[in-house]
Amino acid sequence: MQDIVRSQSIAEVIRNRRSIDSFRPELPPRENILAAIDSARWAPNHRLTEPWHFYLCGPETRRAIIDLNAEITRAKSGDEAAERKRERWSRMPGFLVVTCDLDPNPLYERENYAATCCAVQNLMLHLWDMGIGTKWTTGDVTRDSRFYDLIWVDPLQEVVVGLLWYGYPAETPDSTRRPVEAIVTDLP
């Protein structure tokens, strides 16, 4: 896989990354997404289980997810809300689903989930450094049993950690964080 030239320091990438709500219509090259997944898999993971799975959604799966989401929204909030949701989700260029392995041991399952979240962060940072934005969603659709059928995942083996929209940002929101002193406690 060809290395992508990095233009920012890791601290700059971390501080500048934003969740993107508005994307340009063009889909980034698949090779860029695969390069980011390659970086994602280097996340720390307990016992080197590498519990993550990445599902790149093609047009058919993307449409099916949009339809299911509109159906769920319609049942909760009516036709108008469902159509607004369908229209919004149809503007998202790329869909990527991330899952992690389930484990009968609750501690291992928690570790798998944490490791997969680290992998998602690696993925988002790598994409951001290439000018590709993301939005990590865990809405109702990702918890619906029918969603698992759409992505061909056995819910007894894997759990959805998130659906990531990706594409080139149409706009990048500003963000702030609390000062470090507000979140650090010095212990004796």
N, C-alpha and C. Protein backbone atom coordinates (compact mmCIF):
# COMPACT_ATOMS: atom_id res chain seq x y z
N MET A 1 0.85 -1.18 0.00
CA MET A 1 0.00 0.00 0.00
C MET A 1 0.89 1.24 0.00
N GLN A 2 0.59 2.19 -0.83
CA GLN A 2 1.41 3.40 -0.96
C GLN A 2 1.21 4.29 0.26
N ASP A 3 2.36 4.77 0.81
CA ASP A 3 2.28 5.70 1.94
C ASP A 3 1.78 7.06 1.47
N ILE A 4 0.97 7.69 2.31
CA ILE A 4 0.48 9.03 2.03
C ILE A 4 1.40 10.01 2.75
N VAL A 5 1.82 11.06 2.09
CA VAL A 5 2.69 12.06 2.70
C VAL A 5 1.88 12.83 3.73
N ARG A 6 2.40 12.90 4.94
CA ARG A 6 1.71 13.60 6.02
C ARG A 6 2.11 15.07 6.00
N SER A 7 1.12 15.94 6.14
CA SER A 7 1.38 17.37 6.06
C SER A 7 1.33 18.06 7.42
N GLN A 8 0.80 17.40 8.43
CA GLN A 8 0.65 18.02 9.74
C GLN A 8 1.30 17.13 10.80
N SER A 9 1.64 17.72 11.93
CA SER A 9 2.11 16.90 13.04
C SER A 9 0.91 16.15 13.62
N ILE A 10 1.18 15.10 14.36
CA ILE A 10 0.09 14.32 14.94
C ILE A 10 -0.74 15.19 15.90
N ALA A 11 -0.09 16.08 16.64
CA ALA A 11 -0.83 16.96 17.55
C ALA A 11 -1.78 17.87 16.76
N GLU A 12 -1.32 18.38 15.63
CA GLU A 12 -2.19 19.24 14.80
C GLU A 12 -3.37 18.46 14.24
N VAL A 13 -3.12 17.24 13.79
CA VAL A 13 -4.20 16.42 13.26
C VAL A 13 -5.24 16.14 14.34
N ILE A 14 -4.78 15.79 15.53
CA ILE A 14 -5.69 15.50 16.64
C ILE A 14 -6.51 16.74 16.99
N ARG A 15 -5.87 17.88 17.11
CA ARG A 15 -6.57 19.11 17.51
C ARG A 15 -7.49 19.66 16.42
N ASN A 16 -7.16 19.41 15.17
CA ASN A 16 -7.93 19.99 14.07
C ASN A 16 -9.07 19.11 13.58
N ARG A 17 -9.04 17.81 13.88
CA ARG A 17 -10.08 16.91 13.38
C ARG A 17 -11.44 17.31 13.92
N ARG A 18 -12.44 17.26 13.08
CA ARG A 18 -13.81 17.60 13.47
C ARG A 18 -14.76 16.56 12.92
N SER A 19 -15.87 16.38 13.59
CA SER A 19 -16.97 15.60 13.04
C SER A 19 -17.65 16.45 11.98
N ILE A 20 -17.85 15.87 10.82
CA ILE A 20 -18.37 16.61 9.68
C ILE A 20 -19.84 16.26 9.45
N ASP A 21 -20.66 17.28 9.33
CA ASP A 21 -22.09 17.09 9.06
C ASP A 21 -22.45 17.35 7.61
N SER A 22 -21.60 18.07 6.90
CA SER A 22 -21.90 18.47 5.53
C SER A 22 -20.71 18.11 4.65
N PHE A 23 -20.97 17.27 3.64
CA PHE A 23 -19.92 16.76 2.76
C PHE A 23 -20.14 17.23 1.33
N ARG A 24 -19.03 17.35 0.59
CA ARG A 24 -19.12 17.51 -0.86
C ARG A 24 -19.57 16.16 -1.44
N PRO A 25 -20.14 16.13 -2.61
CA PRO A 25 -20.75 14.88 -3.12
C PRO A 25 -19.76 13.80 -3.56
N GLU A 26 -18.53 14.16 -3.94
CA GLU A 26 -17.63 13.15 -4.50
C GLU A 26 -17.11 12.19 -3.42
N LEU A 27 -16.99 10.93 -3.81
CA LEU A 27 -16.52 9.87 -2.93
C LEU A 27 -15.01 9.79 -3.01
N PRO A 28 -14.31 9.80 -1.87
CA PRO A 28 -12.85 9.67 -1.90
C PRO A 28 -12.43 8.31 -2.48
N PRO A 29 -11.23 8.23 -3.03
CA PRO A 29 -10.76 6.96 -3.60
C PRO A 29 -10.71 5.84 -2.55
N ARG A 30 -11.09 4.66 -2.98
CA ARG A 30 -11.08 3.48 -2.10
C ARG A 30 -9.69 3.25 -1.49
N GLU A 31 -8.65 3.52 -2.27
CA GLU A 31 -7.27 3.31 -1.78
C GLU A 31 -6.99 4.16 -0.54
N ASN A 32 -7.56 5.36 -0.49
CA ASN A 32 -7.37 6.22 0.69
C ASN A 32 -8.05 5.63 1.91
N ILE A 33 -9.23 5.04 1.71
CA ILE A 33 -9.95 4.43 2.82
C ILE A 33 -9.19 3.20 3.30
N LEU A 34 -8.67 2.41 2.38
CA LEU A 34 -7.90 1.23 2.76
C LEU A 34 -6.61 1.61 3.50
N ALA A 35 -5.98 2.71 3.08
CA ALA A 35 -4.77 3.18 3.78
C ALA A 35 -5.12 3.56 5.22
N ALA A 36 -6.27 4.20 5.42
CA ALA A 36 -6.69 4.57 6.78
C ALA A 36 -7.03 3.33 7.60
N ILE A 37 -7.65 2.34 6.99
CA ILE A 37 -7.95 1.08 7.70
C ILE A 37 -6.64 0.39 8.07
N ASP A 38 -5.65 0.48 7.20
CA ASP A 38 -4.34 -0.08 7.52
C ASP A 38 -3.76 0.58 8.78
N SER A 39 -3.91 1.88 8.91
CA SER A 39 -3.45 2.57 10.13
C SER A 39 -4.32 2.21 11.33
N ALA A 40 -5.62 2.04 11.08
CA ALA A 40 -6.54 1.72 12.18
C ALA A 40 -6.14 0.42 12.87
N ARG A 41 -5.69 -0.55 12.11
CA ARG A 41 -5.41 -1.87 12.68
C ARG A 41 -4.19 -1.89 13.61
N TRP A 42 -3.47 -0.78 13.67
CA TRP A 42 -2.33 -0.68 14.57
C TRP A 42 -2.72 -0.12 15.94
N ALA A 43 -4.00 0.01 16.19
CA ALA A 43 -4.47 0.49 17.50
C ALA A 43 -4.06 -0.52 18.59
N PRO A 44 -3.86 -0.01 19.80
CA PRO A 44 -3.57 -0.95 20.89
C PRO A 44 -4.76 -1.87 21.10
N ASN A 45 -4.47 -3.15 21.35
CA ASN A 45 -5.55 -4.10 21.61
C ASN A 45 -5.06 -5.17 22.56
N HIS A 46 -5.87 -5.44 23.55
CA HIS A 46 -5.53 -6.38 24.62
C HIS A 46 -5.31 -7.78 24.04
N ARG A 47 -4.23 -8.41 24.44
CA ARG A 47 -3.90 -9.76 24.02
C ARG A 47 -3.79 -9.90 22.49
N LEU A 48 -3.57 -8.79 21.82
CA LEU A 48 -3.44 -8.75 20.36
C LEU A 48 -4.57 -9.52 19.66
N THR A 49 -5.78 -9.26 20.11
CA THR A 49 -6.95 -9.93 19.54
C THR A 49 -7.39 -9.35 18.20
N GLU A 50 -7.01 -8.09 17.92
CA GLU A 50 -7.45 -7.40 16.71
C GLU A 50 -8.94 -7.67 16.46
N PRO A 51 -9.80 -7.18 17.37
CA PRO A 51 -11.21 -7.56 17.36
C PRO A 51 -12.09 -6.80 16.37
N TRP A 52 -11.51 -5.94 15.56
CA TRP A 52 -12.29 -5.04 14.71
C TRP A 52 -12.54 -5.63 13.32
N HIS A 53 -13.61 -5.17 12.72
CA HIS A 53 -13.96 -5.51 11.34
C HIS A 53 -14.49 -4.24 10.68
N PHE A 54 -14.12 -4.04 9.43
CA PHE A 54 -14.52 -2.85 8.68
C PHE A 54 -15.32 -3.29 7.46
N TYR A 55 -16.50 -2.71 7.30
CA TYR A 55 -17.39 -3.05 6.19
C TYR A 55 -17.62 -1.81 5.33
N LEU A 56 -16.99 -1.79 4.16
CA LEU A 56 -17.19 -0.69 3.21
C LEU A 56 -18.50 -0.94 2.48
N CYS A 57 -19.42 -0.02 2.61
CA CYS A 57 -20.76 -0.19 2.04
C CYS A 57 -20.79 0.33 0.61
N GLY A 58 -21.16 -0.54 -0.30
CA GLY A 58 -21.36 -0.16 -1.69
C GLY A 58 -22.72 0.50 -1.86
N PRO A 59 -23.05 0.92 -3.08
CA PRO A 59 -24.29 1.65 -3.31
C PRO A 59 -25.55 0.90 -2.87
N GLU A 60 -25.59 -0.40 -3.09
CA GLU A 60 -26.79 -1.18 -2.72
C GLU A 60 -26.97 -1.21 -1.20
N THR A 61 -25.90 -1.47 -0.47
CA THR A 61 -25.98 -1.52 0.99
C THR A 61 -26.28 -0.14 1.55
N ARG A 62 -25.66 0.86 0.98
CA ARG A 62 -25.90 2.25 1.42
C ARG A 62 -27.38 2.60 1.27
N ARG A 63 -27.96 2.29 0.11
CA ARG A 63 -29.40 2.56 -0.10
C ARG A 63 -30.26 1.80 0.90
N ALA A 64 -29.90 0.54 1.16
CA ALA A 64 -30.68 -0.27 2.10
C ALA A 64 -30.61 0.30 3.52
N ILE A 65 -29.44 0.81 3.90
CA ILE A 65 -29.30 1.43 5.23
C ILE A 65 -30.14 2.71 5.29
N ILE A 66 -30.09 3.51 4.24
CA ILE A 66 -30.89 4.74 4.20
C ILE A 66 -32.37 4.40 4.29
N ASP A 67 -32.82 3.38 3.56
CA ASP A 67 -34.23 2.97 3.60
C ASP A 67 -34.63 2.50 4.99
N LEU A 68 -33.79 1.68 5.61
CA LEU A 68 -34.10 1.19 6.96
C LEU A 68 -34.15 2.34 7.95
N ASN A 69 -33.21 3.27 7.85
CA ASN A 69 -33.21 4.42 8.75
C ASN A 69 -34.47 5.26 8.58
N ALA A 70 -34.90 5.46 7.32
CA ALA A 70 -36.13 6.21 7.07
C ALA A 70 -37.34 5.47 7.65
N GLU A 71 -37.36 4.16 7.53
CA GLU A 71 -38.45 3.36 8.08
C GLU A 71 -38.52 3.48 9.61
N ILE A 72 -37.37 3.41 10.26
CA ILE A 72 -37.31 3.56 11.73
C ILE A 72 -37.78 4.95 12.13
N THR A 73 -37.32 5.97 11.41
CA THR A 73 -37.71 7.35 11.70
C THR A 73 -39.21 7.55 11.47
N ARG A 74 -39.74 6.97 10.40
CA ARG A 74 -41.17 7.08 10.09
C ARG A 74 -42.00 6.51 11.25
N ALA A 75 -41.61 5.36 11.78
CA ALA A 75 -42.35 4.72 12.87
C ALA A 75 -42.32 5.58 14.14
N LYS A 76 -41.23 6.30 14.36
CA LYS A 76 -41.10 7.14 15.55
C LYS A 76 -41.67 8.53 15.39
N SER A 77 -41.46 9.13 14.19
CA SER A 77 -41.73 10.57 14.05
C SER A 77 -42.56 10.95 12.84
N GLY A 78 -42.98 10.00 12.03
CA GLY A 78 -43.86 10.32 10.92
C GLY A 78 -43.15 10.46 9.58
N ASP A 79 -43.97 10.64 8.54
CA ASP A 79 -43.49 10.67 7.16
C ASP A 79 -42.55 11.83 6.87
N GLU A 80 -42.90 13.00 7.34
CA GLU A 80 -42.08 14.18 7.04
C GLU A 80 -40.67 14.03 7.63
N ALA A 81 -40.58 13.59 8.85
CA ALA A 81 -39.26 13.39 9.48
C ALA A 81 -38.48 12.30 8.75
N ALA A 82 -39.16 11.26 8.33
CA ALA A 82 -38.51 10.16 7.61
C ALA A 82 -37.92 10.65 6.29
N GLU A 83 -38.65 11.47 5.59
CA GLU A 83 -38.15 11.98 4.30
C GLU A 83 -37.00 12.96 4.49
N ARG A 84 -37.06 13.77 5.54
CA ARG A 84 -35.92 14.66 5.85
C ARG A 84 -34.67 13.83 6.14
N LYS A 85 -34.86 12.78 6.93
CA LYS A 85 -33.73 11.89 7.28
C LYS A 85 -33.18 11.21 6.02
N ARG A 86 -34.07 10.71 5.17
CA ARG A 86 -33.64 10.05 3.93
C ARG A 86 -32.84 11.02 3.06
N GLU A 87 -33.34 12.24 2.93
CA GLU A 87 -32.66 13.23 2.10
C GLU A 87 -31.28 13.57 2.68
N ARG A 88 -31.20 13.74 3.98
CA ARG A 88 -29.92 14.06 4.63
C ARG A 88 -28.92 12.91 4.46
N TRP A 89 -29.34 11.71 4.78
CA TRP A 89 -28.43 10.57 4.71
C TRP A 89 -28.01 10.28 3.27
N SER A 90 -28.83 10.61 2.32
CA SER A 90 -28.50 10.40 0.91
C SER A 90 -27.37 11.32 0.45
N ARG A 91 -27.13 12.39 1.18
CA ARG A 91 -26.04 13.32 0.84
C ARG A 91 -24.69 12.86 1.38
N MET A 92 -24.66 11.82 2.20
CA MET A 92 -23.40 11.33 2.76
C MET A 92 -22.71 10.46 1.72
N PRO A 93 -21.51 10.84 1.26
CA PRO A 93 -20.88 10.12 0.15
C PRO A 93 -20.52 8.67 0.46
N GLY A 94 -19.86 8.42 1.60
CA GLY A 94 -19.40 7.08 1.91
C GLY A 94 -19.91 6.59 3.25
N PHE A 95 -20.18 5.30 3.31
CA PHE A 95 -20.61 4.64 4.55
C PHE A 95 -19.62 3.53 4.86
N LEU A 96 -19.15 3.49 6.09
CA LEU A 96 -18.25 2.45 6.58
C LEU A 96 -18.77 2.00 7.93
N VAL A 97 -19.02 0.71 8.08
CA VAL A 97 -19.49 0.17 9.36
C VAL A 97 -18.32 -0.50 10.05
N VAL A 98 -18.18 -0.23 11.35
CA VAL A 98 -17.12 -0.84 12.15
C VAL A 98 -17.78 -1.68 13.24
N THR A 99 -17.32 -2.92 13.35
CA THR A 99 -17.82 -3.82 14.40
C THR A 99 -16.66 -4.34 15.22
N CYS A 100 -16.99 -4.95 16.34
CA CYS A 100 -15.97 -5.66 17.11
C CYS A 100 -16.52 -7.01 17.53
N ASP A 101 -15.59 -7.92 17.78
CA ASP A 101 -15.94 -9.27 18.19
C ASP A 101 -16.57 -9.26 19.57
N LEU A 102 -17.57 -10.08 19.73
CA LEU A 102 -18.15 -10.32 21.05
C LEU A 102 -17.34 -11.43 21.74
N ASP A 103 -17.44 -11.49 23.05
CA ASP A 103 -16.71 -12.50 23.80
C ASP A 103 -17.56 -12.91 24.99
N PRO A 104 -17.58 -14.19 25.32
CA PRO A 104 -18.37 -14.61 26.48
C PRO A 104 -17.85 -14.04 27.81
N ASN A 105 -16.58 -13.67 27.83
CA ASN A 105 -16.00 -13.06 29.03
C ASN A 105 -16.27 -11.55 28.98
N PRO A 106 -17.06 -11.02 29.94
CA PRO A 106 -17.41 -9.59 29.90
C PRO A 106 -16.19 -8.66 29.90
N LEU A 107 -15.11 -9.04 30.58
CA LEU A 107 -13.91 -8.21 30.59
C LEU A 107 -13.30 -8.16 29.19
N TYR A 108 -13.17 -9.30 28.52
CA TYR A 108 -12.60 -9.34 27.18
C TYR A 108 -13.47 -8.58 26.19
N GLU A 109 -14.78 -8.69 26.37
CA GLU A 109 -15.69 -7.97 25.47
C GLU A 109 -15.52 -6.46 25.63
N ARG A 110 -15.37 -6.01 26.87
CA ARG A 110 -15.14 -4.58 27.12
C ARG A 110 -13.81 -4.14 26.52
N GLU A 111 -12.78 -4.98 26.66
CA GLU A 111 -11.48 -4.67 26.08
C GLU A 111 -11.56 -4.61 24.55
N ASN A 112 -12.33 -5.52 23.94
CA ASN A 112 -12.50 -5.52 22.49
C ASN A 112 -13.15 -4.22 22.02
N TYR A 113 -14.18 -3.79 22.75
CA TYR A 113 -14.88 -2.56 22.39
C TYR A 113 -13.94 -1.36 22.50
N ALA A 114 -13.18 -1.30 23.60
CA ALA A 114 -12.25 -0.18 23.79
C ALA A 114 -11.19 -0.16 22.69
N ALA A 115 -10.65 -1.32 22.35
CA ALA A 115 -9.63 -1.41 21.31
C ALA A 115 -10.21 -0.96 19.96
N THR A 116 -11.44 -1.36 19.68
CA THR A 116 -12.06 -0.99 18.41
C THR A 116 -12.30 0.52 18.36
N CYS A 117 -12.67 1.11 19.47
CA CYS A 117 -12.81 2.58 19.51
C CYS A 117 -11.47 3.25 19.22
N CYS A 118 -10.38 2.70 19.73
CA CYS A 118 -9.05 3.24 19.41
C CYS A 118 -8.77 3.11 17.91
N ALA A 119 -9.16 1.99 17.32
CA ALA A 119 -8.97 1.78 15.88
C ALA A 119 -9.76 2.81 15.08
N VAL A 120 -10.98 3.09 15.53
CA VAL A 120 -11.81 4.09 14.83
C VAL A 120 -11.13 5.45 14.90
N GLN A 121 -10.59 5.80 16.05
CA GLN A 121 -9.89 7.08 16.18
C GLN A 121 -8.69 7.13 15.24
N ASN A 122 -7.91 6.04 15.18
CA ASN A 122 -6.78 6.00 14.24
C ASN A 122 -7.27 6.24 12.81
N LEU A 123 -8.35 5.56 12.44
CA LEU A 123 -8.92 5.68 11.11
C LEU A 123 -9.33 7.12 10.82
N MET A 124 -10.05 7.73 11.74
CA MET A 124 -10.54 9.10 11.53
C MET A 124 -9.38 10.09 11.43
N LEU A 125 -8.35 9.90 12.24
CA LEU A 125 -7.20 10.81 12.18
C LEU A 125 -6.45 10.66 10.86
N HIS A 126 -6.27 9.42 10.42
CA HIS A 126 -5.58 9.20 9.15
C HIS A 126 -6.37 9.84 8.00
N LEU A 127 -7.68 9.62 7.98
CA LEU A 127 -8.50 10.22 6.94
C LEU A 127 -8.43 11.74 6.99
N TRP A 128 -8.51 12.30 8.20
CA TRP A 128 -8.47 13.76 8.34
C TRP A 128 -7.18 14.32 7.77
N ASP A 129 -6.07 13.62 8.00
CA ASP A 129 -4.78 14.08 7.50
C ASP A 129 -4.75 14.08 5.97
N MET A 130 -5.63 13.28 5.33
CA MET A 130 -5.72 13.26 3.87
C MET A 130 -6.81 14.20 3.36
N GLY A 131 -7.43 14.97 4.28
CA GLY A 131 -8.47 15.90 3.86
C GLY A 131 -9.85 15.27 3.77
N ILE A 132 -10.00 14.08 4.35
CA ILE A 132 -11.27 13.37 4.32
C ILE A 132 -11.90 13.44 5.71
N GLY A 133 -13.10 13.94 5.78
CA GLY A 133 -13.81 14.07 7.05
C GLY A 133 -14.68 12.86 7.34
N THR A 134 -15.07 12.75 8.60
CA THR A 134 -15.92 11.63 9.04
C THR A 134 -16.95 12.12 10.04
N LYS A 135 -17.96 11.31 10.20
CA LYS A 135 -18.94 11.48 11.29
C LYS A 135 -19.25 10.08 11.79
N TRP A 136 -19.03 9.85 13.07
CA TRP A 136 -19.24 8.55 13.71
C TRP A 136 -20.63 8.59 14.32
N THR A 137 -21.53 7.74 13.83
CA THR A 137 -22.88 7.72 14.35
C THR A 137 -23.20 6.36 14.97
N THR A 138 -23.98 6.40 16.03
CA THR A 138 -24.43 5.18 16.71
C THR A 138 -25.94 5.24 16.90
N GLY A 139 -26.63 5.82 15.94
CA GLY A 139 -28.07 6.02 16.03
C GLY A 139 -28.86 4.73 16.03
N ASP A 140 -30.18 4.90 16.12
CA ASP A 140 -31.10 3.76 16.21
C ASP A 140 -30.87 2.72 15.14
N VAL A 141 -30.57 3.15 13.93
CA VAL A 141 -30.43 2.19 12.84
C VAL A 141 -29.32 1.18 13.12
N THR A 142 -28.23 1.59 13.78
CA THR A 142 -27.11 0.68 14.02
C THR A 142 -27.42 -0.35 15.11
N ARG A 143 -28.48 -0.11 15.85
CA ARG A 143 -28.87 -1.06 16.91
C ARG A 143 -30.06 -1.93 16.51
N ASP A 144 -30.57 -1.72 15.33
CA ASP A 144 -31.71 -2.49 14.84
C ASP A 144 -31.22 -3.84 14.30
N SER A 145 -31.90 -4.92 14.65
CA SER A 145 -31.48 -6.25 14.20
C SER A 145 -31.43 -6.36 12.67
N ARG A 146 -32.28 -5.61 11.98
CA ARG A 146 -32.28 -5.66 10.52
C ARG A 146 -31.01 -5.06 9.92
N PHE A 147 -30.37 -4.15 10.65
CA PHE A 147 -29.12 -3.55 10.18
C PHE A 147 -28.06 -4.64 10.01
N TYR A 148 -28.02 -5.57 10.97
CA TYR A 148 -27.04 -6.66 10.92
C TYR A 148 -27.24 -7.50 9.67
N ASP A 149 -28.50 -7.71 9.28
CA ASP A 149 -28.78 -8.45 8.05
C ASP A 149 -28.24 -7.71 6.82
N LEU A 150 -28.37 -6.40 6.83
CA LEU A 150 -27.92 -5.60 5.68
C LEU A 150 -26.41 -5.66 5.48
N ILE A 151 -25.67 -5.79 6.59
CA ILE A 151 -24.20 -5.82 6.48
C ILE A 151 -23.66 -7.25 6.61
N TRP A 152 -24.53 -8.23 6.63
CA TRP A 152 -24.17 -9.64 6.66
C TRP A 152 -23.33 -9.99 7.88
N VAL A 153 -23.75 -9.49 9.03
CA VAL A 153 -23.02 -9.73 10.28
C VAL A 153 -23.91 -10.53 11.22
N ASP A 154 -23.32 -11.52 11.87
CA ASP A 154 -24.01 -12.32 12.87
C ASP A 154 -23.95 -11.56 14.20
N PRO A 155 -25.11 -11.09 14.71
CA PRO A 155 -25.09 -10.31 15.96
C PRO A 155 -24.71 -11.13 17.19
N LEU A 156 -24.57 -12.43 17.04
CA LEU A 156 -24.08 -13.26 18.14
C LEU A 156 -22.55 -13.33 18.14
N GLN A 157 -21.93 -12.83 17.06
CA GLN A 157 -20.47 -12.86 16.93
C GLN A 157 -19.82 -11.47 16.99
N GLU A 158 -20.55 -10.46 16.49
CA GLU A 158 -20.00 -9.10 16.41
C GLU A 158 -21.06 -8.10 16.83
N VAL A 159 -20.60 -6.95 17.33
CA VAL A 159 -21.49 -5.85 17.66
C VAL A 159 -21.05 -4.62 16.87
N VAL A 160 -22.03 -3.85 16.39
CA VAL A 160 -21.72 -2.63 15.65
C VAL A 160 -21.23 -1.57 16.63
N VAL A 161 -20.05 -1.05 16.36
CA VAL A 161 -19.47 0.03 17.15
C VAL A 161 -19.88 1.38 16.56
N GLY A 162 -20.08 1.41 15.25
CA GLY A 162 -20.54 2.65 14.65
C GLY A 162 -20.63 2.57 13.15
N LEU A 163 -21.40 3.48 12.62
CA LEU A 163 -21.48 3.73 11.20
C LEU A 163 -20.75 5.05 10.98
N LEU A 164 -19.75 5.02 10.13
CA LEU A 164 -19.00 6.24 9.84
C LEU A 164 -19.35 6.73 8.45
N TRP A 165 -19.79 7.97 8.37
CA TRP A 165 -19.93 8.63 7.09
C TRP A 165 -18.57 9.23 6.78
N TYR A 166 -18.19 9.21 5.51
CA TYR A 166 -16.92 9.83 5.16
C TYR A 166 -17.01 10.49 3.79
N GLY A 167 -16.18 11.51 3.64
CA GLY A 167 -16.13 12.25 2.39
C GLY A 167 -15.34 13.53 2.59
N TYR A 168 -15.31 14.33 1.57
CA TYR A 168 -14.60 15.61 1.66
C TYR A 168 -15.53 16.64 2.30
N PRO A 169 -15.06 17.31 3.35
CA PRO A 169 -15.92 18.28 4.04
C PRO A 169 -16.36 19.43 3.15
N ALA A 170 -17.65 19.76 3.22
CA ALA A 170 -18.16 20.97 2.57
C ALA A 170 -17.91 22.16 3.48
N GLU A 171 -17.94 21.91 4.77
CA GLU A 171 -17.61 22.94 5.77
C GLU A 171 -17.08 22.23 7.01
N THR A 172 -16.22 22.93 7.73
CA THR A 172 -15.61 22.37 8.94
C THR A 172 -15.98 23.24 10.12
N PRO A 173 -16.69 22.67 11.09
CA PRO A 173 -17.11 23.47 12.24
C PRO A 173 -15.93 23.79 13.17
N ASP A 174 -16.09 24.85 13.94
CA ASP A 174 -15.13 25.17 14.99
C ASP A 174 -15.46 24.34 16.22
N SER A 175 -14.49 24.22 17.11
CA SER A 175 -14.73 23.48 18.34
C SER A 175 -13.79 24.00 19.43
N THR A 176 -14.20 23.84 20.65
CA THR A 176 -13.36 24.21 21.78
C THR A 176 -13.37 23.05 22.77
N ARG A 177 -12.44 23.08 23.68
CA ARG A 177 -12.37 22.08 24.75
C ARG A 177 -12.09 22.82 26.06
N ARG A 178 -12.48 22.15 27.14
CA ARG A 178 -12.16 22.70 28.46
C ARG A 178 -10.64 22.73 28.64
N PRO A 179 -10.12 23.62 29.49
CA PRO A 179 -8.68 23.66 29.71
C PRO A 179 -8.20 22.37 30.39
N VAL A 180 -6.96 22.04 30.16
CA VAL A 180 -6.37 20.83 30.74
C VAL A 180 -6.53 20.82 32.25
N GLU A 181 -6.36 21.96 32.88
CA GLU A 181 -6.46 22.04 34.35
C GLU A 181 -7.84 21.60 34.85
N ALA A 182 -8.85 21.72 34.02
CA ALA A 182 -10.21 21.34 34.42
C ALA A 182 -10.44 19.84 34.40
N ILE A 183 -9.55 19.10 33.74
CA ILE A 183 -9.78 17.65 33.61
C ILE A 183 -8.67 16.80 34.24
N VAL A 184 -7.66 17.46 34.83
CA VAL A 184 -6.55 16.72 35.44
C VAL A 184 -6.62 16.87 36.94
N THR A 185 -6.50 15.76 37.61
CA THR A 185 -6.42 15.74 39.07
C THR A 185 -5.06 15.15 39.45
N ASP A 186 -4.26 15.92 40.19
CA ASP A 186 -2.99 15.42 40.68
C ASP A 186 -3.24 14.62 41.95
N LEU A 187 -2.78 13.40 41.94
CA LEU A 187 -2.91 12.54 43.12
C LEU A 187 -1.59 12.50 43.88
N PRO A 188 -1.64 12.32 45.18
CA PRO A 188 -0.39 12.27 45.96
C PRO A 188 0.42 11.03 45.64
